[in-house]
């Protein structure tokens, strides 16, 4: 019963800072990302629903990196406190070895590794695609906000548009001039007293197109092939503009494929070695990254139980330096795998092997 209480105690002491680290790092990541995207969101008047979808996709996309960092911070903080309060000494005096003390942490790391595996295999690729789609939908709203009063706008669906007064938020315009030369043989000029941009929704928060509705004006059209000239007065004239890329079409990178699609891509690209190596490297990278929480158990315990005061005070520094080195080595190992200098499954394990060696060394030093 006492052993179970100690296990639960150790488990809780690691779990609490781990969850706090996930929330903290996710918040910091979102803060920097939203600052980068703030102008685009505000200028394009992005609806609340799209913003929330973007936030959720960003969080899921960040978690494969955030979970290992937060878990390492949790282990470091817990065992640094155990060491500082001499609780490690008390547990060892009761007959528990350091590996036995680490048992609940290893169990927790396996759970985090399974969650990381699901994130890397399917959820993170889904979030990457969802984020791209959402940004495209938000960016498509820029057509309405690109109109400036008193200025000729040439980038409005390849037309030349001028309005004396404009209210972009309401989509209202006064004294509108529109020149349409999409048909070079029959260019057309439209003049109207007022105009309005009407959004066409193709789905929830999805802008499917725009309707430019002009009132009280005239249409002038001349033929370049003859001397024909036509003029037509109207009370209401509408032009529909289809939004390009509204379905979110973009080139897929290997990290955007779900696991089933990635495996299928590997099978379909057998005749192109470079592409095959790139896809296989991505496949094994996802598995390698998911294993890092288990390896960080021994590294975190080894550093956390260090008797030096600086190590206990620099938990965050140790975590950030470890992750910076890890991801830098991983970038190099991915390059090695994609170039075929080592088999993909072996190349992406290089950073894990380094963590395993460092973890075994520090853990052994702490096992007195």
Protein backbone atom coordinates (compact mmCIF):
# COMPACT_ATOMS: atom_id res chain seq x y z
CA UNK A 1 0.00 0.00 0.00
CA UNK A 2 2.85 2.39 0.82
CA UNK A 3 4.51 1.62 -2.50
CA UNK A 4 1.28 2.37 -4.35
CA UNK A 5 0.96 5.68 -2.53
CA UNK A 6 4.53 6.59 -3.47
CA UNK A 7 3.87 5.63 -7.09
CA UNK A 8 0.73 7.77 -7.15
CA UNK A 9 2.62 10.62 -5.51
CA UNK A 10 5.45 10.50 -8.07
CA UNK A 11 2.94 10.16 -10.91
CA UNK A 12 0.99 13.22 -9.74
CA UNK A 13 4.11 15.31 -9.20
CA UNK A 14 5.19 14.71 -12.81
CA UNK A 15 1.71 14.94 -14.34
CA UNK A 16 0.86 18.36 -12.88
CA UNK A 17 3.82 20.32 -14.32
CA UNK A 18 3.52 18.30 -17.55
CA UNK A 19 -0.08 19.45 -18.10
CA UNK A 20 0.87 22.96 -17.03
CA UNK A 21 3.72 22.91 -19.53
CA UNK A 22 1.41 21.80 -22.35
CA UNK A 23 -0.96 24.69 -21.62
CA UNK A 24 1.85 27.22 -21.18
CA UNK A 25 3.78 26.27 -24.32
CA UNK A 26 0.59 26.09 -26.38
CA UNK A 27 -0.40 29.57 -25.19
CA UNK A 28 3.03 31.01 -26.03
CA UNK A 29 3.00 29.35 -29.44
CA UNK A 30 -0.49 30.64 -30.21
CA UNK A 31 0.47 34.11 -29.03
CA UNK A 32 3.36 34.34 -31.48
CA UNK A 33 1.33 32.82 -34.31
CA UNK A 34 -1.65 35.13 -33.78
CA UNK A 35 0.62 38.17 -33.68
CA UNK A 36 1.98 37.06 -37.04
CA UNK A 37 -1.51 36.51 -38.46
CA UNK A 38 -3.29 39.42 -36.73
CA UNK A 39 -3.09 41.80 -39.67
CA UNK A 40 -4.48 39.27 -42.12
CA UNK A 41 -7.31 38.31 -39.75
CA UNK A 42 -8.29 41.91 -39.06
CA UNK A 43 -7.90 43.29 -42.58
CA UNK A 44 -9.87 40.41 -44.10
CA UNK A 45 -12.55 40.64 -41.40
CA UNK A 46 -12.26 36.92 -40.59
CA UNK A 47 -15.40 35.53 -38.89
CA UNK A 48 -15.20 34.11 -35.39
CA UNK A 49 -15.83 30.55 -36.58
CA UNK A 50 -12.86 30.57 -38.94
CA UNK A 51 -10.60 32.08 -36.29
CA UNK A 52 -11.52 29.32 -33.83
CA UNK A 53 -10.90 26.64 -36.48
CA UNK A 54 -7.51 28.18 -37.15
CA UNK A 55 -6.65 28.25 -33.43
CA UNK A 56 -7.60 24.59 -32.99
CA UNK A 57 -5.59 23.54 -36.05
CA UNK A 58 -2.57 25.49 -34.78
CA UNK A 59 -2.76 23.83 -31.34
CA UNK A 60 -3.00 20.31 -32.80
CA UNK A 61 -0.17 21.09 -35.22
CA UNK A 62 2.02 22.28 -32.31
CA UNK A 63 1.37 19.36 -29.93
CA UNK A 64 3.78 16.86 -31.56
CA UNK A 65 6.55 19.30 -30.58
CA UNK A 66 4.92 20.61 -27.40
CA UNK A 67 4.22 17.27 -25.71
CA UNK A 68 7.87 16.07 -25.52
CA UNK A 69 9.04 19.50 -24.32
CA UNK A 70 6.33 19.69 -21.65
CA UNK A 71 6.98 16.12 -20.52
CA UNK A 72 10.70 16.77 -20.15
CA UNK A 73 9.91 19.90 -18.13
CA UNK A 74 7.53 17.89 -15.93
CA UNK A 75 10.13 15.20 -15.17
CA UNK A 76 12.86 17.77 -14.55
CA UNK A 77 10.72 19.86 -12.19
CA UNK A 78 9.42 16.87 -10.23
CA UNK A 79 12.76 15.15 -9.67
CA UNK A 80 14.56 18.42 -9.11
CA UNK A 81 12.16 19.09 -6.24
CA UNK A 82 12.47 15.51 -4.96
CA UNK A 83 16.23 15.94 -4.90
CA UNK A 84 16.11 19.39 -3.31
CA UNK A 85 13.76 18.22 -0.54
CA UNK A 86 15.77 15.00 0.01
CA UNK A 87 12.72 12.91 -0.92
CA UNK A 88 14.86 10.83 -3.27
CA UNK A 89 17.12 9.98 -0.31
CA UNK A 90 14.08 8.99 1.78
CA UNK A 91 12.70 6.73 -0.96
CA UNK A 92 16.05 5.05 -1.46
CA UNK A 93 16.43 4.60 2.29
CA UNK A 94 13.11 2.73 2.21
CA UNK A 95 14.59 0.21 -0.20
CA UNK A 96 13.45 1.68 -3.53
CA UNK A 97 15.99 1.95 -6.31
CA UNK A 98 15.92 4.86 -8.73
CA UNK A 99 14.58 2.67 -11.54
CA UNK A 100 11.73 1.54 -9.25
CA UNK A 101 11.01 5.16 -8.35
CA UNK A 102 10.85 5.95 -12.06
CA UNK A 103 8.29 3.18 -12.76
CA UNK A 104 5.18 5.44 -12.64
CA UNK A 105 6.98 8.04 -14.76
CA UNK A 106 7.80 5.39 -17.35
CA UNK A 107 4.13 4.36 -17.37
CA UNK A 108 3.13 7.99 -17.91
CA UNK A 109 5.71 8.35 -20.69
CA UNK A 110 4.20 5.37 -22.50
CA UNK A 111 0.81 7.07 -22.42
CA UNK A 112 2.32 10.30 -23.73
CA UNK A 113 4.17 8.33 -26.41
CA UNK A 114 0.92 6.69 -27.59
CA UNK A 115 -0.78 10.09 -27.74
CA UNK A 116 2.22 11.50 -29.62
CA UNK A 117 2.04 8.59 -32.05
CA UNK A 118 -1.61 9.30 -32.86
CA UNK A 119 -0.80 12.98 -33.25
CA UNK A 120 2.10 12.34 -35.59
CA UNK A 121 0.38 9.69 -37.68
CA UNK A 122 -2.91 11.40 -38.48
CA UNK A 123 -3.93 14.35 -36.32
CA UNK A 124 -0.96 16.61 -37.09
CA UNK A 125 -1.26 16.05 -40.88
CA UNK A 126 -4.99 16.78 -40.61
CA UNK A 127 -4.27 19.99 -38.71
CA UNK A 128 -1.71 21.06 -41.32
CA UNK A 129 -4.26 20.65 -44.13
CA UNK A 130 -7.03 22.26 -42.07
CA UNK A 131 -4.80 25.22 -41.25
CA UNK A 132 -3.92 25.74 -44.92
CA UNK A 133 -7.58 25.51 -45.94
CA UNK A 134 -8.63 27.97 -43.25
CA UNK A 135 -5.93 30.46 -44.21
CA UNK A 136 -7.03 30.20 -47.84
CA UNK A 137 -10.64 30.88 -46.83
CA UNK A 138 -9.56 33.89 -44.79
CA UNK A 139 -7.31 35.12 -47.58
CA UNK A 140 -10.15 34.82 -50.09
CA UNK A 141 -11.98 37.54 -48.19
CA UNK A 142 -9.29 40.03 -49.15
CA UNK A 143 -11.03 40.80 -52.45
CA UNK A 144 -13.69 42.80 -50.63
CA UNK A 145 -11.11 44.64 -48.53
CA UNK A 146 -8.81 45.47 -51.45
CA UNK A 147 -11.06 48.27 -52.71
CA UNK A 148 -9.95 51.75 -51.65
CA UNK A 149 -11.96 54.85 -52.34
CA UNK A 150 -10.52 57.41 -54.73
CA UNK A 151 -8.08 54.84 -56.14
CA UNK A 152 -8.09 52.68 -59.24
CA UNK A 153 -7.92 49.04 -58.15
CA UNK A 154 -6.47 46.79 -60.85
CA UNK A 155 -6.28 43.58 -58.80
CA UNK A 156 -10.02 43.12 -58.33
CA UNK A 157 -10.63 39.82 -60.19
CA UNK A 158 -8.48 41.09 -63.11
CA UNK A 159 -10.78 44.11 -63.56
CA UNK A 160 -10.17 47.82 -63.17
CA UNK A 161 -12.41 49.27 -60.49
CA UNK A 162 -12.79 52.81 -59.19
CA UNK A 163 -15.14 54.17 -56.55
CA UNK A 164 -15.32 57.65 -55.13
CA UNK A 165 -16.57 56.49 -51.73
CA UNK A 166 -16.26 53.03 -50.20
CA UNK A 167 -17.26 51.29 -46.98
CA UNK A 168 -15.44 47.95 -47.03
CA UNK A 169 -17.07 46.61 -43.88
CA UNK A 170 -20.57 47.14 -45.27
CA UNK A 171 -19.52 46.54 -48.88
CA UNK A 172 -21.15 49.79 -50.03
CA UNK A 173 -19.75 52.04 -52.79
CA UNK A 174 -20.74 55.31 -54.48
CA UNK A 175 -19.96 56.54 -58.01
CA UNK A 176 -18.50 53.32 -59.34
CA UNK A 177 -16.47 52.86 -62.53
CA UNK A 178 -15.74 49.32 -63.78
CA UNK A 179 -13.65 48.38 -66.82
CA UNK A 180 -13.85 44.75 -67.96
CA UNK A 181 -11.46 43.62 -70.70
CA UNK A 182 -11.54 39.88 -69.98
CA UNK A 183 -12.93 39.54 -73.52
CA UNK A 184 -10.39 41.59 -75.53
CA UNK A 185 -12.66 41.68 -78.57
CA UNK A 186 -15.52 43.25 -76.61
CA UNK A 187 -14.21 45.38 -73.72
CA UNK A 188 -16.92 46.76 -71.48
CA UNK A 189 -17.22 49.84 -69.28
CA UNK A 190 -19.85 50.14 -66.54
CA UNK A 191 -20.68 53.35 -64.69
CA UNK A 192 -23.09 53.39 -61.75
CA UNK A 193 -24.23 55.73 -58.99
CA UNK A 194 -24.00 53.10 -56.26
CA UNK A 195 -22.66 49.60 -55.82
CA UNK A 196 -22.64 46.82 -53.28
CA UNK A 197 -20.55 43.70 -52.72
CA UNK A 198 -22.65 40.72 -51.67
CA UNK A 199 -20.91 37.66 -50.23
CA UNK A 200 -22.00 34.22 -51.46
CA UNK A 201 -21.49 31.52 -48.82
CA UNK A 202 -20.71 27.99 -50.05
CA UNK A 203 -20.62 26.60 -46.53
CA UNK A 204 -20.25 27.62 -42.93
CA UNK A 205 -17.85 30.59 -42.82
CA UNK A 206 -16.74 29.66 -46.34
CA UNK A 207 -16.78 32.41 -48.95
CA UNK A 208 -17.83 30.82 -52.23
CA UNK A 209 -17.98 33.95 -54.36
CA UNK A 210 -18.83 37.64 -54.59
CA UNK A 211 -21.64 39.45 -56.38
CA UNK A 212 -20.99 43.04 -57.45
CA UNK A 213 -24.43 44.65 -57.62
CA UNK A 214 -24.55 48.07 -59.33
CA UNK A 215 -27.54 50.40 -59.29
CA UNK A 216 -28.65 53.26 -61.55
CA UNK A 217 -25.98 53.24 -64.20
CA UNK A 218 -25.11 52.48 -67.77
CA UNK A 219 -23.12 49.82 -69.63
CA UNK A 220 -20.92 50.75 -72.58
CA UNK A 221 -19.51 48.14 -74.92
CA UNK A 222 -17.52 48.55 -78.14
CA UNK A 223 -16.33 45.92 -80.58
CA UNK A 224 -12.68 45.83 -81.57
CA UNK A 225 -13.59 43.97 -84.78
CA UNK A 226 -16.10 46.54 -86.05
CA UNK A 227 -17.36 50.02 -85.34
CA UNK A 228 -20.31 48.75 -83.32
CA UNK A 229 -21.03 50.52 -80.06
CA UNK A 230 -23.70 49.62 -77.53
CA UNK A 231 -25.06 51.50 -74.56
CA UNK A 232 -27.54 50.13 -72.07
CA UNK A 233 -29.03 51.89 -69.05
CA UNK A 234 -29.94 49.78 -66.06
CA UNK A 235 -31.47 50.09 -62.65
CA UNK A 236 -29.67 46.96 -61.33
CA UNK A 237 -26.71 45.14 -62.84
CA UNK A 238 -24.99 42.16 -61.21
CA UNK A 239 -21.63 40.53 -61.85
CA UNK A 240 -20.72 37.23 -60.14
CA UNK A 241 -17.08 36.52 -59.30
CA UNK A 242 -16.02 32.99 -58.44
CA UNK A 243 -13.43 32.73 -55.66
CA UNK A 244 -10.27 30.98 -56.92
CA UNK A 245 -8.92 28.09 -54.82
CA UNK A 246 -12.02 28.17 -52.65
CA UNK A 247 -11.69 24.42 -52.21
CA UNK A 248 -8.27 24.84 -50.65
CA UNK A 249 -6.17 23.35 -53.43
CA UNK A 250 -2.44 23.45 -52.78
CA UNK A 251 0.54 21.18 -53.24
CA UNK A 252 0.76 18.48 -50.59
CA UNK A 253 4.00 17.93 -48.73
CA UNK A 254 4.81 14.58 -47.08
CA UNK A 255 3.96 15.88 -43.60
CA UNK A 256 0.39 16.65 -44.78
CA UNK A 257 -0.49 13.04 -45.61
CA UNK A 258 -2.32 10.87 -43.13
CA UNK A 259 -0.66 7.56 -42.38
CA UNK A 260 -2.75 5.53 -44.83
CA UNK A 261 -2.20 8.07 -47.60
CA UNK A 262 1.52 8.24 -46.81
CA UNK A 263 1.89 4.47 -47.11
CA UNK A 264 -0.04 4.54 -50.38
CA UNK A 265 2.20 7.31 -51.70
CA UNK A 266 5.27 5.23 -50.86
CA UNK A 267 3.82 2.31 -52.84
CA UNK A 268 2.90 4.53 -55.80
CA UNK A 269 6.31 6.21 -56.09
CA UNK A 270 8.49 3.12 -56.24
CA UNK A 271 10.02 4.21 -59.55
CA UNK A 272 11.16 7.60 -58.24
CA UNK A 273 13.90 6.98 -55.63
CA UNK A 274 14.19 10.59 -54.41
CA UNK A 275 10.47 10.88 -53.73
CA UNK A 276 10.37 7.45 -52.11
CA UNK A 277 13.23 8.30 -49.75
CA UNK A 278 11.51 11.55 -48.79
CA UNK A 279 8.25 9.77 -47.99
CA UNK A 280 9.94 6.95 -46.08
CA UNK A 281 11.93 9.43 -44.05
CA UNK A 282 8.70 11.22 -43.08
CA UNK A 283 7.12 7.86 -42.18
CA UNK A 284 9.92 6.87 -39.81
CA UNK A 285 10.31 10.41 -38.45
CA UNK A 286 6.79 10.30 -37.06
CA UNK A 287 7.50 7.07 -35.21
CA UNK A 288 10.87 8.32 -33.93
CA UNK A 289 9.41 11.54 -32.55
CA UNK A 290 6.68 9.59 -30.74
CA UNK A 291 9.37 7.65 -28.81
CA UNK A 292 11.04 10.74 -27.34
CA UNK A 293 8.91 10.97 -24.13
CA UNK A 294 10.11 7.48 -23.07
CA UNK A 295 13.75 8.45 -23.60
CA UNK A 296 13.26 11.77 -21.83
CA UNK A 297 12.32 9.90 -18.63
CA UNK A 298 15.91 8.84 -17.99
CA UNK A 299 17.41 12.11 -19.20
CA UNK A 300 15.02 14.15 -17.06
CA UNK A 301 15.56 12.05 -13.95
CA UNK A 302 19.32 12.15 -14.43
CA UNK A 303 19.45 15.92 -14.76
CA UNK A 304 16.70 16.52 -12.20
CA UNK A 305 18.40 14.61 -9.40
CA UNK A 306 21.69 16.45 -9.93
CA UNK A 307 22.94 17.85 -6.67
CA UNK A 308 24.09 21.13 -8.16
CA UNK A 309 21.95 24.11 -7.33
CA UNK A 310 22.29 25.54 -10.85
CA UNK A 311 20.71 22.46 -12.42
CA UNK A 312 17.63 22.71 -10.15
CA UNK A 313 17.30 26.42 -10.86
CA UNK A 314 17.71 25.98 -14.60
CA UNK A 315 15.03 23.39 -15.34
CA UNK A 316 13.54 25.40 -18.20
CA UNK A 317 16.98 26.16 -19.59
CA UNK A 318 17.94 22.47 -19.58
CA UNK A 319 14.67 21.58 -21.32
CA UNK A 320 15.00 24.24 -24.01
CA UNK A 321 18.67 23.46 -24.69
CA UNK A 322 17.90 19.74 -24.90
CA UNK A 323 15.02 20.26 -27.32
CA UNK A 324 16.97 22.77 -29.42
CA UNK A 325 19.84 20.30 -29.83
CA UNK A 326 17.41 17.43 -30.44
CA UNK A 327 15.49 19.19 -33.21
CA UNK A 328 18.66 20.50 -34.82
CA UNK A 329 20.09 16.98 -34.96
CA UNK A 330 16.76 15.73 -36.29
CA UNK A 331 16.87 18.23 -39.16
CA UNK A 332 20.29 16.89 -40.11
CA UNK A 333 19.14 13.27 -39.77
CA UNK A 334 16.14 13.95 -42.04
CA UNK A 335 18.50 15.37 -44.64
CA UNK A 336 20.68 12.25 -44.35
CA UNK A 337 17.65 10.02 -44.80
CA UNK A 338 16.30 11.96 -47.79
CA UNK A 339 19.70 11.90 -49.51
CA UNK A 340 19.98 8.15 -49.00
CA UNK A 341 23.26 8.27 -47.07
CA UNK A 342 21.65 6.02 -44.44
CA UNK A 343 18.44 3.97 -44.49
CA UNK A 344 15.51 6.22 -43.53
CA UNK A 345 14.57 4.17 -40.46
CA UNK A 346 18.12 4.46 -39.10
CA UNK A 347 18.79 8.09 -40.03
CA UNK A 348 15.81 9.50 -38.10
CA UNK A 349 16.81 7.52 -35.00
CA UNK A 350 20.12 9.41 -34.66
CA UNK A 351 18.70 12.07 -32.27
CA UNK A 352 16.96 9.34 -30.23
CA UNK A 353 20.22 7.40 -29.96
CA UNK A 354 21.99 10.52 -28.68
CA UNK A 355 19.23 11.12 -26.11
CA UNK A 356 19.40 7.46 -25.06
CA UNK A 357 23.18 7.64 -24.51
CA UNK A 358 22.94 10.93 -22.58
CA UNK A 359 19.99 9.62 -20.57
CA UNK A 360 21.75 6.37 -19.67
CA UNK A 361 24.85 8.29 -18.57
CA UNK A 362 23.00 10.82 -16.38
CA UNK A 363 20.60 8.20 -14.98
CA UNK A 364 23.50 5.95 -14.00
CA UNK A 365 25.25 8.83 -12.23
CA UNK A 366 22.07 9.49 -10.25
CA UNK A 367 21.73 5.80 -9.26
CA UNK A 368 23.85 5.76 -6.15
